[in-house]
């Protein structure tokens, strides 16, 4: 019987999901910053 060398953990999917999550969080932070910086108060 041949032993199949399969990895027990695949890090690819988790790494991609963390990357997508980081991009979404950075995008939200930038959007909030732009909304705060363009806010003009009426006198």
Protein backbone atom coordinates (compact mmCIF):
# COMPACT_ATOMS: atom_id res chain seq x y z
CA UNK A 1 0.00 0.00 0.00
CA UNK A 2 1.42 3.34 -1.04
CA UNK A 3 1.30 6.20 1.43
CA UNK A 4 -0.18 9.37 -0.02
CA UNK A 5 1.56 12.49 1.18
CA UNK A 6 -1.34 14.92 1.60
CA UNK A 7 -1.10 18.09 3.68
CA UNK A 8 -3.38 18.02 6.69
CA UNK A 9 -3.99 21.76 6.53
CA UNK A 10 -4.37 23.94 3.45
CA UNK A 11 -3.41 27.53 4.25
CA UNK A 12 -4.31 28.93 0.82
CA UNK A 13 -8.04 29.50 1.39
CA UNK A 14 -7.56 31.07 4.82
CA UNK A 15 -4.81 33.35 3.54
CA UNK A 16 -7.01 34.55 0.68
CA UNK A 17 -9.93 35.20 3.02
CA UNK A 18 -7.74 37.18 5.45
CA UNK A 19 -6.39 39.21 2.53
CA UNK A 20 -9.89 39.99 1.24
CA UNK A 21 -11.01 40.94 4.76
CA UNK A 22 -8.01 43.27 5.17
CA UNK A 23 -8.75 44.97 1.83
CA UNK A 24 -12.40 45.49 2.80
CA UNK A 25 -11.45 46.95 6.20
CA UNK A 26 -8.91 49.32 4.63
CA UNK A 27 -11.52 50.39 2.07
CA UNK A 28 -14.07 51.13 4.79
CA UNK A 29 -11.53 53.14 6.80
CA UNK A 30 -10.60 55.17 3.72
CA UNK A 31 -14.28 55.79 2.90
CA UNK A 32 -15.01 57.01 6.44
CA UNK A 33 -11.92 59.25 6.38
CA UNK A 34 -12.97 60.76 3.05
CA UNK A 35 -16.49 61.39 4.34
CA UNK A 36 -15.08 63.05 7.48
CA UNK A 37 -12.61 65.23 5.58
CA UNK A 38 -15.16 66.46 3.02
CA UNK A 39 -17.76 67.35 5.66
CA UNK A 40 -18.31 71.12 5.68
CA UNK A 41 -20.26 72.64 8.52
CA UNK A 42 -22.75 75.34 7.57
CA UNK A 43 -22.52 78.56 9.55
